[in-house]
Amino acid sequence: MAMKTPVHPGEILREDVLADLGLGVGEAAARLGISRVSLSRVLHGHARISPNLAVRLEQAGAGTARAWLAMQTAHDLALERASGTPKVRSLHDVA
């Protein structure tokens, strides 16, 4: 059975954080000290949550930086695995 790809953390930020707080993209971006366009790209899954944004979210009281980065990594890893396994050889086998 195939594993479902974890949701992009931007969707969680959009649906579970900003929506619950009643914050629009512009206001949230201003409070986080980033551009509206940058935040919008994350919220719609077109950009990753960077370590910088993760720290800003933590400082703004929206969870921990580690949690945001873990969600992003889980999403990225699932996408990479779904794209097919690259041809590799073991590092332990003697040639």
Protein backbone atom coordinates (compact mmCIF):
# COMPACT_ATOMS: atom_id res chain seq x y z
CA MET A 1 0.00 0.00 0.00
CA ALA A 2 1.40 3.39 -1.01
CA MET A 3 1.95 5.98 1.66
CA LYS A 4 0.04 9.23 1.25
CA THR A 5 2.31 12.21 0.75
CA PRO A 6 2.26 14.42 3.85
CA VAL A 7 0.54 17.72 3.25
CA HIS A 8 2.76 20.70 2.45
CA PRO A 9 3.33 22.63 5.70
CA GLY A 10 2.21 25.81 3.96
CA GLU A 11 -1.29 24.34 3.80
CA ILE A 12 -1.18 23.67 7.54
CA LEU A 13 -0.01 27.22 8.14
CA ARG A 14 -2.79 28.58 5.90
CA GLU A 15 -5.66 26.38 7.14
CA ASP A 16 -4.79 25.64 10.77
CA VAL A 17 -2.89 28.70 11.90
CA LEU A 18 -3.72 31.82 9.91
CA ALA A 19 -7.38 30.92 9.26
CA ASP A 20 -7.94 30.10 12.94
CA LEU A 21 -6.41 33.44 13.91
CA GLY A 22 -8.38 35.31 11.26
CA LEU A 23 -5.19 36.64 9.69
CA GLY A 24 -4.90 37.38 6.00
CA VAL A 25 -1.73 36.87 4.00
CA GLY A 26 -0.76 40.55 4.05
CA GLU A 27 -1.17 40.97 7.80
CA ALA A 28 0.59 37.68 8.58
CA ALA A 29 3.47 38.57 6.25
CA ALA A 30 3.83 41.99 7.88
CA ARG A 31 3.90 40.44 11.35
CA LEU A 32 6.49 37.87 10.23
CA GLY A 33 8.63 40.54 8.54
CA ILE A 34 8.52 38.94 5.09
CA SER A 35 6.93 39.91 1.80
CA ARG A 36 3.33 39.04 1.02
CA VAL A 37 4.48 37.26 -2.16
CA SER A 38 6.98 35.10 -0.25
CA LEU A 39 4.39 34.04 2.29
CA SER A 40 1.75 33.43 -0.39
CA ARG A 41 4.13 31.12 -2.27
CA VAL A 42 4.64 29.04 0.89
CA LEU A 43 0.93 28.98 1.75
CA HIS A 44 0.09 27.61 -1.70
CA GLY A 45 2.84 25.01 -1.77
CA HIS A 46 4.99 26.76 -4.38
CA ALA A 47 7.88 27.39 -1.98
CA ARG A 48 9.35 25.51 0.96
CA ILE A 49 9.34 26.58 4.58
CA SER A 50 12.93 27.71 4.99
CA PRO A 51 14.87 27.63 8.25
CA ASN A 52 14.53 31.43 8.31
CA LEU A 53 10.73 31.29 8.03
CA ALA A 54 10.59 28.45 10.56
CA VAL A 55 12.44 30.60 13.10
CA ARG A 56 10.16 33.57 12.35
CA LEU A 57 7.08 31.37 12.89
CA GLU A 58 8.52 30.14 16.19
CA GLN A 59 9.26 33.71 17.33
CA ALA A 60 5.70 34.69 16.35
CA GLY A 61 4.25 31.95 18.57
CA ALA A 62 3.21 29.52 15.81
CA GLY A 63 4.84 26.29 16.94
CA THR A 64 8.51 25.42 16.91
CA ALA A 65 11.00 25.92 14.12
CA ARG A 66 11.96 22.25 14.45
CA ALA A 67 8.34 21.15 13.91
CA TRP A 68 7.91 23.30 10.78
CA LEU A 69 11.17 22.01 9.31
CA ALA A 70 10.25 18.41 10.17
CA MET A 71 6.93 18.81 8.32
CA GLN A 72 8.73 20.30 5.31
CA THR A 73 11.31 17.50 5.29
CA ALA A 74 8.62 14.80 5.57
CA HIS A 75 6.78 16.35 2.61
CA ASP A 76 9.95 16.68 0.51
CA LEU A 77 11.12 13.15 1.30
CA ALA A 78 7.74 11.63 0.38
CA LEU A 79 7.77 13.48 -2.95
CA GLU A 80 11.32 12.33 -3.66
CA ARG A 81 10.50 8.71 -2.88
CA ALA A 82 7.35 8.87 -5.01
CA SER A 83 9.37 10.14 -7.98
CA GLY A 84 11.19 6.81 -8.26
CA THR A 85 14.34 5.33 -6.86
CA PRO A 86 17.53 6.51 -8.51
CA LYS A 87 20.00 3.83 -9.63
CA VAL A 88 22.67 3.62 -6.95
CA ARG A 89 25.22 1.08 -5.81
CA SER A 90 26.03 0.23 -2.23
CA LEU A 91 28.86 2.14 -0.64
CA HIS A 92 29.79 -1.01 1.29
CA ASP A 93 30.32 -3.38 -1.66
CA VAL A 94 33.89 -3.78 -2.82
CA ALA A 95 34.16 -3.06 -6.53
